[in-house]
């Protein structure tokens, strides 16, 4: 699943292509909205909220999409060859200059802009949002003292935008084992601040780099490196699933650096 920085960047690209322009075509390839036609509506903005994408129009409507695991938006000039037809195409929005095609989108729906809270109201502070509130994020994290920190970090109700990669990397850099209880983590403020800085540093780049080293194969400290030596101490990096049944996510950690 794309991390919050990739979703933020996608929103920026959608906003640049669609905002301030009238839609000349809208094609929903999902049964529930197959008859919806937004042609003639002015797109006012496209924004991200955690891992959710919101495209708003001047008629008070919002197109809500979520990339989930495999989704992607592809944007191209309208003068080029039309987007390839595919059973994976879920939504196409176009104006006189640009075409935005959404493939394998996990969620596609249309709702009143005034009702956006129905789909994003449960989210915690957005790590890359204009209203980022680190104190509230810490308060939400700290409220579940008996929960494993690795699970709490990925709970979008605590802070929105962090995913498997940043959870593993942030915990490694702070020397915290993913299974440590939230109540046993000494400095949640520093943890939250680091997560914010990592996402912010990567939001306009290609790929995720947490080590500061852009060389191939050296982008991360522990994520994706199970069995390889820790870059700090040489101990083999471990991986395991964590989470409730049906919600398991992979964790990568160094058993020596993250006691």
C-alpha atoms as a PDB file:
ATOM      1  CA  UNK A   1       0.000   0.000   0.000  1.00  0.00           C
ATOM      2  CA  UNK A   2       1.449   3.426  -0.911  1.00  0.00           C
ATOM      3  CA  UNK A   3       2.668   5.495   2.014  1.00  0.00           C
ATOM      4  CA  UNK A   4       1.188   8.886   2.852  1.00  0.00           C
ATOM      5  CA  UNK A   5       3.910  10.791   1.025  1.00  0.00           C
ATOM      6  CA  UNK A   6       3.118   9.013  -2.270  1.00  0.00           C
ATOM      7  CA  UNK A   7      -0.581   9.789  -1.826  1.00  0.00           C
ATOM      8  CA  UNK A   8       0.241  13.436  -1.055  1.00  0.00           C
ATOM      9  CA  UNK A   9       2.320  13.655  -4.239  1.00  0.00           C
ATOM     10  CA  UNK A  10      -0.478  12.057  -6.266  1.00  0.00           C
ATOM     11  CA  UNK A  11      -2.874  14.700  -4.942  1.00  0.00           C
ATOM     12  CA  UNK A  12      -0.474  17.442  -6.012  1.00  0.00           C
ATOM     13  CA  UNK A  13      -0.342  16.035  -9.550  1.00  0.00           C
ATOM     14  CA  UNK A  14      -4.122  15.646  -9.735  1.00  0.00           C
ATOM     15  CA  UNK A  15      -4.599  19.186  -8.462  1.00  0.00           C
ATOM     16  CA  UNK A  16      -2.189  20.594 -11.050  1.00  0.00           C
ATOM     17  CA  UNK A  17      -3.994  18.798 -13.879  1.00  0.00           C
ATOM     18  CA  UNK A  18      -7.635  19.187 -12.823  1.00  0.00           C
ATOM     19  CA  UNK A  19      -8.124  22.151 -10.479  1.00  0.00           C
ATOM     20  CA  UNK A  20      -9.526  25.306 -12.075  1.00  0.00           C
ATOM     21  CA  UNK A  21     -10.651  23.436 -15.192  1.00  0.00           C
ATOM     22  CA  UNK A  22     -14.052  22.201 -16.351  1.00  0.00           C
ATOM     23  CA  UNK A  23     -14.446  18.469 -16.830  1.00  0.00           C
ATOM     24  CA  UNK A  24     -15.148  17.476 -20.433  1.00  0.00           C
ATOM     25  CA  UNK A  25     -15.389  13.785 -19.590  1.00  0.00           C
ATOM     26  CA  UNK A  26     -16.079  11.630 -16.551  1.00  0.00           C
ATOM     27  CA  UNK A  27     -16.239   7.872 -16.828  1.00  0.00           C
ATOM     28  CA  UNK A  28     -16.859   5.771 -13.719  1.00  0.00           C
ATOM     29  CA  UNK A  29     -16.089   2.070 -14.224  1.00  0.00           C
ATOM     30  CA  UNK A  30     -17.652   0.887 -10.964  1.00  0.00           C
ATOM     31  CA  UNK A  31     -21.242  -0.394 -10.978  1.00  0.00           C
ATOM     32  CA  UNK A  32     -22.599   1.832  -8.207  1.00  0.00           C
ATOM     33  CA  UNK A  33     -21.542   5.048  -9.980  1.00  0.00           C
ATOM     34  CA  UNK A  34     -21.687   3.920 -13.610  1.00  0.00           C
ATOM     35  CA  UNK A  35     -24.404   6.489 -14.408  1.00  0.00           C
ATOM     36  CA  UNK A  36     -22.730   9.431 -12.632  1.00  0.00           C
ATOM     37  CA  UNK A  37     -21.626  12.162 -15.040  1.00  0.00           C
ATOM     38  CA  UNK A  38     -19.566  15.101 -13.780  1.00  0.00           C
ATOM     39  CA  UNK A  39     -19.068  16.626 -17.228  1.00  0.00           C
ATOM     40  CA  UNK A  40     -19.421  20.408 -17.090  1.00  0.00           C
ATOM     41  CA  UNK A  41     -18.421  20.675 -13.448  1.00  0.00           C
ATOM     42  CA  UNK A  42     -15.430  22.767 -12.412  1.00  0.00           C
ATOM     43  CA  UNK A  43     -12.855  20.958 -10.298  1.00  0.00           C
ATOM     44  CA  UNK A  44     -11.969  23.281  -7.431  1.00  0.00           C
ATOM     45  CA  UNK A  45      -9.158  21.223  -5.873  1.00  0.00           C
ATOM     46  CA  UNK A  46      -7.659  17.804  -5.308  1.00  0.00           C
ATOM     47  CA  UNK A  47      -6.256  17.074  -1.857  1.00  0.00           C
ATOM     48  CA  UNK A  48      -5.054  14.164   0.214  1.00  0.00           C
ATOM     49  CA  UNK A  49      -6.185  13.236   3.701  1.00  0.00           C
ATOM     50  CA  UNK A  50      -3.883  10.579   5.034  1.00  0.00           C
ATOM     51  CA  UNK A  51      -4.084   7.887   2.359  1.00  0.00           C
ATOM     52  CA  UNK A  52      -7.388   9.148   0.938  1.00  0.00           C
ATOM     53  CA  UNK A  53      -7.714  11.297  -2.190  1.00  0.00           C
ATOM     54  CA  UNK A  54     -10.492  13.894  -2.503  1.00  0.00           C
ATOM     55  CA  UNK A  55     -11.333  15.641  -5.776  1.00  0.00           C
ATOM     56  CA  UNK A  56     -13.865  18.435  -5.220  1.00  0.00           C
ATOM     57  CA  UNK A  57     -16.107  20.235  -7.705  1.00  0.00           C
ATOM     58  CA  UNK A  58     -18.014  23.506  -7.738  1.00  0.00           C
ATOM     59  CA  UNK A  59     -21.323  21.628  -7.443  1.00  0.00           C
ATOM     60  CA  UNK A  60     -20.508  20.571  -3.898  1.00  0.00           C
ATOM     61  CA  UNK A  61     -19.469  17.052  -4.847  1.00  0.00           C
ATOM     62  CA  UNK A  62     -16.349  15.093  -3.929  1.00  0.00           C
ATOM     63  CA  UNK A  63     -14.849  12.137  -5.751  1.00  0.00           C
ATOM     64  CA  UNK A  64     -13.286  10.004  -3.032  1.00  0.00           C
ATOM     65  CA  UNK A  65     -10.670   7.423  -4.020  1.00  0.00           C
ATOM     66  CA  UNK A  66      -8.204   5.239  -2.168  1.00  0.00           C
ATOM     67  CA  UNK A  67      -5.266   3.461  -3.800  1.00  0.00           C
ATOM     68  CA  UNK A  68      -5.294   0.512  -1.374  1.00  0.00           C
ATOM     69  CA  UNK A  69      -2.550  -1.962  -2.370  1.00  0.00           C
ATOM     70  CA  UNK A  70      -2.330  -1.701  -6.156  1.00  0.00           C
ATOM     71  CA  UNK A  71      -4.040   1.532  -7.190  1.00  0.00           C
ATOM     72  CA  UNK A  72      -2.459   4.311  -9.242  1.00  0.00           C
ATOM     73  CA  UNK A  73      -3.439   7.513 -11.015  1.00  0.00           C
ATOM     74  CA  UNK A  74      -1.857   8.181 -14.423  1.00  0.00           C
ATOM     75  CA  UNK A  75      -1.986  11.702 -15.804  1.00  0.00           C
ATOM     76  CA  UNK A  76      -1.259  12.644 -19.403  1.00  0.00           C
ATOM     77  CA  UNK A  77      -1.871  15.539 -21.811  1.00  0.00           C
ATOM     78  CA  UNK A  78      -5.271  15.326 -23.501  1.00  0.00           C
ATOM     79  CA  UNK A  79      -3.604  15.633 -26.924  1.00  0.00           C
ATOM     80  CA  UNK A  80      -1.803  12.314 -26.520  1.00  0.00           C
ATOM     81  CA  UNK A  81      -3.157   8.866 -27.336  1.00  0.00           C
ATOM     82  CA  UNK A  82      -6.124   7.995 -25.080  1.00  0.00           C
ATOM     83  CA  UNK A  83      -5.322   5.949 -21.944  1.00  0.00           C
ATOM     84  CA  UNK A  84      -5.162   2.236 -22.631  1.00  0.00           C
ATOM     85  CA  UNK A  85      -8.423   0.417 -22.173  1.00  0.00           C
ATOM     86  CA  UNK A  86      -8.170  -2.103 -19.374  1.00  0.00           C
ATOM     87  CA  UNK A  87     -10.394  -3.992 -16.974  1.00  0.00           C
ATOM     88  CA  UNK A  88      -8.245  -2.331 -14.290  1.00  0.00           C
ATOM     89  CA  UNK A  89      -9.441   1.166 -15.246  1.00  0.00           C
ATOM     90  CA  UNK A  90     -11.846   2.362 -12.549  1.00  0.00           C
ATOM     91  CA  UNK A  91     -12.240   6.083 -13.246  1.00  0.00           C
ATOM     92  CA  UNK A  92     -11.360   8.594 -15.932  1.00  0.00           C
ATOM     93  CA  UNK A  93     -11.596  12.368 -15.491  1.00  0.00           C
ATOM     94  CA  UNK A  94     -10.580  14.732 -18.278  1.00  0.00           C
ATOM     95  CA  UNK A  95     -10.596  18.368 -19.312  1.00  0.00           C
ATOM     96  CA  UNK A  96      -9.400  20.120 -22.470  1.00  0.00           C
ATOM     97  CA  UNK A  97      -5.760  19.861 -21.385  1.00  0.00           C
ATOM     98  CA  UNK A  98      -5.320  16.773 -19.201  1.00  0.00           C
ATOM     99  CA  UNK A  99      -6.591  13.252 -18.667  1.00  0.00           C
ATOM    100  CA  UNK A 100      -6.439  11.552 -15.267  1.00  0.00           C
ATOM    101  CA  UNK A 101      -6.984   7.789 -15.306  1.00  0.00           C
ATOM    102  CA  UNK A 102      -7.296   5.781 -12.100  1.00  0.00           C
ATOM    103  CA  UNK A 103      -6.359   2.104 -12.261  1.00  0.00           C
ATOM    104  CA  UNK A 104      -7.082  -0.607  -9.672  1.00  0.00           C
ATOM    105  CA  UNK A 105      -8.410   1.955  -7.221  1.00  0.00           C
ATOM    106  CA  UNK A 106      -9.494   0.256  -4.004  1.00  0.00           C
ATOM    107  CA  UNK A 107     -12.267   2.784  -3.364  1.00  0.00           C
ATOM    108  CA  UNK A 108     -14.202   4.932  -5.838  1.00  0.00           C
ATOM    109  CA  UNK A 109     -17.243   6.873  -4.668  1.00  0.00           C
ATOM    110  CA  UNK A 110     -19.006  10.204  -5.026  1.00  0.00           C
ATOM    111  CA  UNK A 111     -20.424  12.077  -2.042  1.00  0.00           C
ATOM    112  CA  UNK A 112     -21.394  15.562  -0.995  1.00  0.00           C
ATOM    113  CA  UNK A 113     -18.350  17.611  -0.034  1.00  0.00           C
ATOM    114  CA  UNK A 114     -20.173  18.589   3.143  1.00  0.00           C
ATOM    115  CA  UNK A 115     -20.244  14.896   4.081  1.00  0.00           C
ATOM    116  CA  UNK A 116     -16.550  14.105   3.639  1.00  0.00           C
ATOM    117  CA  UNK A 117     -16.305  13.392   7.350  1.00  0.00           C
ATOM    118  CA  UNK A 118     -18.202  10.182   6.655  1.00  0.00           C
ATOM    119  CA  UNK A 119     -15.060   8.790   4.974  1.00  0.00           C
ATOM    120  CA  UNK A 120     -12.223  10.726   6.612  1.00  0.00           C
ATOM    121  CA  UNK A 121     -13.618  11.906   9.945  1.00  0.00           C
ATOM    122  CA  UNK A 122     -12.155   8.919  11.806  1.00  0.00           C
ATOM    123  CA  UNK A 123      -8.596   9.784  10.787  1.00  0.00           C
ATOM    124  CA  UNK A 124      -6.035  11.188  13.174  1.00  0.00           C
ATOM    125  CA  UNK A 125      -3.833  14.199  12.391  1.00  0.00           C
ATOM    126  CA  UNK A 126      -2.479  14.073   8.834  1.00  0.00           C
ATOM    127  CA  UNK A 127       1.339  13.888   8.857  1.00  0.00           C
ATOM    128  CA  UNK A 128       1.485  15.947   5.649  1.00  0.00           C
ATOM    129  CA  UNK A 129      -1.657  18.005   6.131  1.00  0.00           C
ATOM    130  CA  UNK A 130      -1.712  21.778   6.495  1.00  0.00           C
ATOM    131  CA  UNK A 131      -3.263  21.304   9.930  1.00  0.00           C
ATOM    132  CA  UNK A 132      -0.723  18.759  11.195  1.00  0.00           C
ATOM    133  CA  UNK A 133      -1.067  18.553  14.984  1.00  0.00           C
ATOM    134  CA  UNK A 134       1.760  16.569  16.621  1.00  0.00           C
ATOM    135  CA  UNK A 135       0.372  17.057  20.128  1.00  0.00           C
ATOM    136  CA  UNK A 136      -2.944  15.477  19.149  1.00  0.00           C
ATOM    137  CA  UNK A 137      -1.129  12.616  17.398  1.00  0.00           C
ATOM    138  CA  UNK A 138       0.876  11.913  20.556  1.00  0.00           C
ATOM    139  CA  UNK A 139      -2.261  12.112  22.684  1.00  0.00           C
ATOM    140  CA  UNK A 140      -4.009   9.540  20.498  1.00  0.00           C
ATOM    141  CA  UNK A 141      -1.013   7.201  20.470  1.00  0.00           C
ATOM    142  CA  UNK A 142      -0.608   7.441  24.235  1.00  0.00           C
ATOM    143  CA  UNK A 143      -4.255   6.564  24.890  1.00  0.00           C
ATOM    144  CA  UNK A 144      -3.681   2.836  24.258  1.00  0.00           C
ATOM    145  CA  UNK A 145      -0.897   2.070  26.719  1.00  0.00           C
ATOM    146  CA  UNK A 146      -1.161  -1.732  26.420  1.00  0.00           C
ATOM    147  CA  UNK A 147      -1.071  -1.825  22.626  1.00  0.00           C
ATOM    148  CA  UNK A 148       2.067  -2.734  20.674  1.00  0.00           C
ATOM    149  CA  UNK A 149       3.663   0.423  19.276  1.00  0.00           C
ATOM    150  CA  UNK A 150       4.028  -1.184  15.844  1.00  0.00           C
ATOM    151  CA  UNK A 151       0.257  -1.588  15.624  1.00  0.00           C
ATOM    152  CA  UNK A 152      -0.534   1.807  17.124  1.00  0.00           C
ATOM    153  CA  UNK A 153       1.667   3.623  14.605  1.00  0.00           C
ATOM    154  CA  UNK A 154      -0.205   2.068  11.680  1.00  0.00           C
ATOM    155  CA  UNK A 155      -3.637   2.832  13.107  1.00  0.00           C
ATOM    156  CA  UNK A 156      -4.806   5.709  10.918  1.00  0.00           C
ATOM    157  CA  UNK A 157      -7.055   6.877  13.732  1.00  0.00           C
ATOM    158  CA  UNK A 158      -3.923   7.908  15.637  1.00  0.00           C
ATOM    159  CA  UNK A 159      -1.989   9.600  12.857  1.00  0.00           C
ATOM    160  CA  UNK A 160      -2.835   9.463   9.172  1.00  0.00           C
ATOM    161  CA  UNK A 161      -0.375   8.622   6.426  1.00  0.00           C
ATOM    162  CA  UNK A 162       2.194   6.300   7.957  1.00  0.00           C
ATOM    163  CA  UNK A 163       2.536   2.813   6.448  1.00  0.00           C
ATOM    164  CA  UNK A 164       4.651  -0.326   6.822  1.00  0.00           C
ATOM    165  CA  UNK A 165       7.883   1.207   5.541  1.00  0.00           C
ATOM    166  CA  UNK A 166       7.844   4.289   7.717  1.00  0.00           C
ATOM    167  CA  UNK A 167       6.650   2.366  10.753  1.00  0.00           C
ATOM    168  CA  UNK A 168       9.597  -0.042  10.505  1.00  0.00           C
ATOM    169  CA  UNK A 169      12.135   2.671   9.745  1.00  0.00           C
ATOM    170  CA  UNK A 170      10.939   5.110  12.395  1.00  0.00           C
ATOM    171  CA  UNK A 171      10.984   2.456  15.109  1.00  0.00           C
ATOM    172  CA  UNK A 172      14.477   1.346  14.093  1.00  0.00           C
ATOM    173  CA  UNK A 173      15.857   4.875  14.182  1.00  0.00           C
ATOM    174  CA  UNK A 174      14.386   5.374  17.658  1.00  0.00           C
ATOM    175  CA  UNK A 175      15.641   1.966  18.870  1.00  0.00           C
ATOM    176  CA  UNK A 176      12.138   0.712  19.688  1.00  0.00           C
ATOM    177  CA  UNK A 177      11.031  -2.896  19.210  1.00  0.00           C
ATOM    178  CA  UNK A 178       7.691  -3.058  17.307  1.00  0.00           C
ATOM    179  CA  UNK A 179       6.212  -5.259  20.057  1.00  0.00           C
ATOM    180  CA  UNK A 180       7.023  -2.853  22.896  1.00  0.00           C
ATOM    181  CA  UNK A 181       3.881  -1.572  24.570  1.00  0.00           C
ATOM    182  CA  UNK A 182       2.965   2.046  23.929  1.00  0.00           C
ATOM    183  CA  UNK A 183       3.086   2.710  27.666  1.00  0.00           C
ATOM    184  CA  UNK A 184       6.722   1.604  27.744  1.00  0.00           C
ATOM    185  CA  UNK A 185       7.878   3.986  25.012  1.00  0.00           C
ATOM    186  CA  UNK A 186       9.730   6.841  26.686  1.00  0.00           C
ATOM    187  CA  UNK A 187       9.438   9.648  24.148  1.00  0.00           C
ATOM    188  CA  UNK A 188       6.400   9.488  21.882  1.00  0.00           C
ATOM    189  CA  UNK A 189       6.930  13.134  20.927  1.00  0.00           C
ATOM    190  CA  UNK A 190      10.297  12.317  19.349  1.00  0.00           C
ATOM    191  CA  UNK A 191       8.845   9.289  17.577  1.00  0.00           C
ATOM    192  CA  UNK A 192       5.988  11.269  16.053  1.00  0.00           C
ATOM    193  CA  UNK A 193       8.311  14.123  15.095  1.00  0.00           C
ATOM    194  CA  UNK A 194      10.668  11.714  13.321  1.00  0.00           C
ATOM    195  CA  UNK A 195       7.821  10.091  11.371  1.00  0.00           C
ATOM    196  CA  UNK A 196       6.691  13.530  10.234  1.00  0.00           C
ATOM    197  CA  UNK A 197      10.200  14.539   9.163  1.00  0.00           C
ATOM    198  CA  UNK A 198      10.753  11.321   7.193  1.00  0.00           C
ATOM    199  CA  UNK A 199       7.510  11.655   5.228  1.00  0.00           C
ATOM    200  CA  UNK A 200       8.075  15.342   4.627  1.00  0.00           C
ATOM    201  CA  UNK A 201      11.608  14.726   3.340  1.00  0.00           C
ATOM    202  CA  UNK A 202      10.392  12.140   0.820  1.00  0.00           C
ATOM    203  CA  UNK A 203       7.112  13.640  -0.364  1.00  0.00           C
ATOM    204  CA  UNK A 204       8.523  15.163  -3.582  1.00  0.00           C
ATOM    205  CA  UNK A 205      11.088  12.468  -4.387  1.00  0.00           C
ATOM    206  CA  UNK A 206      10.937   9.218  -6.309  1.00  0.00           C
ATOM    207  CA  UNK A 207      10.938   6.333  -3.858  1.00  0.00           C
ATOM    208  CA  UNK A 208      11.608   6.343  -0.123  1.00  0.00           C
ATOM    209  CA  UNK A 209      15.037   7.023   1.354  1.00  0.00           C
ATOM    210  CA  UNK A 210      15.434   6.931   5.128  1.00  0.00           C
ATOM    211  CA  UNK A 211      19.193   6.332   5.321  1.00  0.00           C
ATOM    212  CA  UNK A 212      20.260   9.432   3.442  1.00  0.00           C
ATOM    213  CA  UNK A 213      21.980   7.131   0.912  1.00  0.00           C
ATOM    214  CA  UNK A 214      20.354   7.092  -2.530  1.00  0.00           C
ATOM    215  CA  UNK A 215      22.559   4.280  -3.877  1.00  0.00           C
ATOM    216  CA  UNK A 216      20.690   1.228  -5.114  1.00  0.00           C
ATOM    217  CA  UNK A 217      19.869  -1.160  -2.291  1.00  0.00           C
ATOM    218  CA  UNK A 218      20.782   1.300   0.462  1.00  0.00           C
ATOM    219  CA  UNK A 219      17.565   3.290   0.817  1.00  0.00           C
ATOM    220  CA  UNK A 220      16.298   1.733   4.053  1.00  0.00           C
ATOM    221  CA  UNK A 221      17.712   0.630   7.399  1.00  0.00           C
ATOM    222  CA  UNK A 222      15.635  -2.484   7.994  1.00  0.00           C
ATOM    223  CA  UNK A 223      12.553  -2.522   5.779  1.00  0.00           C
ATOM    224  CA  UNK A 224      12.795  -5.222   3.120  1.00  0.00           C
ATOM    225  CA  UNK A 225      16.142  -6.429   4.493  1.00  0.00           C
ATOM    226  CA  UNK A 226      15.181  -9.590   6.424  1.00  0.00           C
ATOM    227  CA  UNK A 227      18.202 -11.837   6.927  1.00  0.00           C
ATOM    228  CA  UNK A 228      20.667  -9.139   5.902  1.00  0.00           C
ATOM    229  CA  UNK A 229      23.074  -7.574   8.417  1.00  0.00           C
ATOM    230  CA  UNK A 230      21.895  -4.513  10.314  1.00  0.00           C
ATOM    231  CA  UNK A 231      23.623  -1.451   8.898  1.00  0.00           C
ATOM    232  CA  UNK A 232      24.572  -0.404  12.438  1.00  0.00           C
ATOM    233  CA  UNK A 233      25.531  -3.569  14.332  1.00  0.00           C
ATOM    234  CA  UNK A 234      25.622  -6.399  11.817  1.00  0.00           C
ATOM    235  CA  UNK A 235      22.930  -8.522  13.482  1.00  0.00           C
ATOM    236  CA  UNK A 236      20.606 -10.169  10.928  1.00  0.00           C
ATOM    237  CA  UNK A 237      17.432  -8.157  10.416  1.00  0.00           C
ATOM    238  CA  UNK A 238      14.252 -10.010  11.307  1.00  0.00           C
ATOM    239  CA  UNK A 239      10.735  -9.886   9.945  1.00  0.00           C
ATOM    240  CA  UNK A 240       7.403 -11.117  11.260  1.00  0.00           C
ATOM    241  CA  UNK A 241       3.712 -10.378  10.940  1.00  0.00           C
ATOM    242  CA  UNK A 242       2.009  -8.225  13.527  1.00  0.00           C
ATOM    243  CA  UNK A 243      -1.628  -7.315  14.023  1.00  0.00           C
ATOM    244  CA  UNK A 244      -5.038  -8.788  14.609  1.00  0.00           C
ATOM    245  CA  UNK A 245      -6.152 -11.715  12.412  1.00  0.00           C
ATOM    246  CA  UNK A 246      -6.924 -10.407   8.952  1.00  0.00           C
ATOM    247  CA  UNK A 247      -5.015  -7.174   9.596  1.00  0.00           C
ATOM    248  CA  UNK A 248      -1.487  -8.568   9.824  1.00  0.00           C
ATOM    249  CA  UNK A 249       1.358  -6.430   8.481  1.00  0.00           C
ATOM    250  CA  UNK A 250       5.029  -7.243   8.102  1.00  0.00           C
ATOM    251  CA  UNK A 251       7.483  -5.716  10.544  1.00  0.00           C
ATOM    252  CA  UNK A 252      11.222  -5.509  10.008  1.00  0.00           C
ATOM    253  CA  UNK A 253      13.543  -4.847  12.966  1.00  0.00           C
ATOM    254  CA  UNK A 254      17.005  -5.397  14.383  1.00  0.00           C
ATOM    255  CA  UNK A 255      16.806  -7.493  17.579  1.00  0.00           C
ATOM    256  CA  UNK A 256      20.012  -5.908  18.894  1.00  0.00           C
ATOM    257  CA  UNK A 257      19.351  -2.247  18.123  1.00  0.00           C
ATOM    258  CA  UNK A 258      15.651  -2.464  19.033  1.00  0.00           C
ATOM    259  CA  UNK A 259      15.421  -4.105  22.421  1.00  0.00           C
END
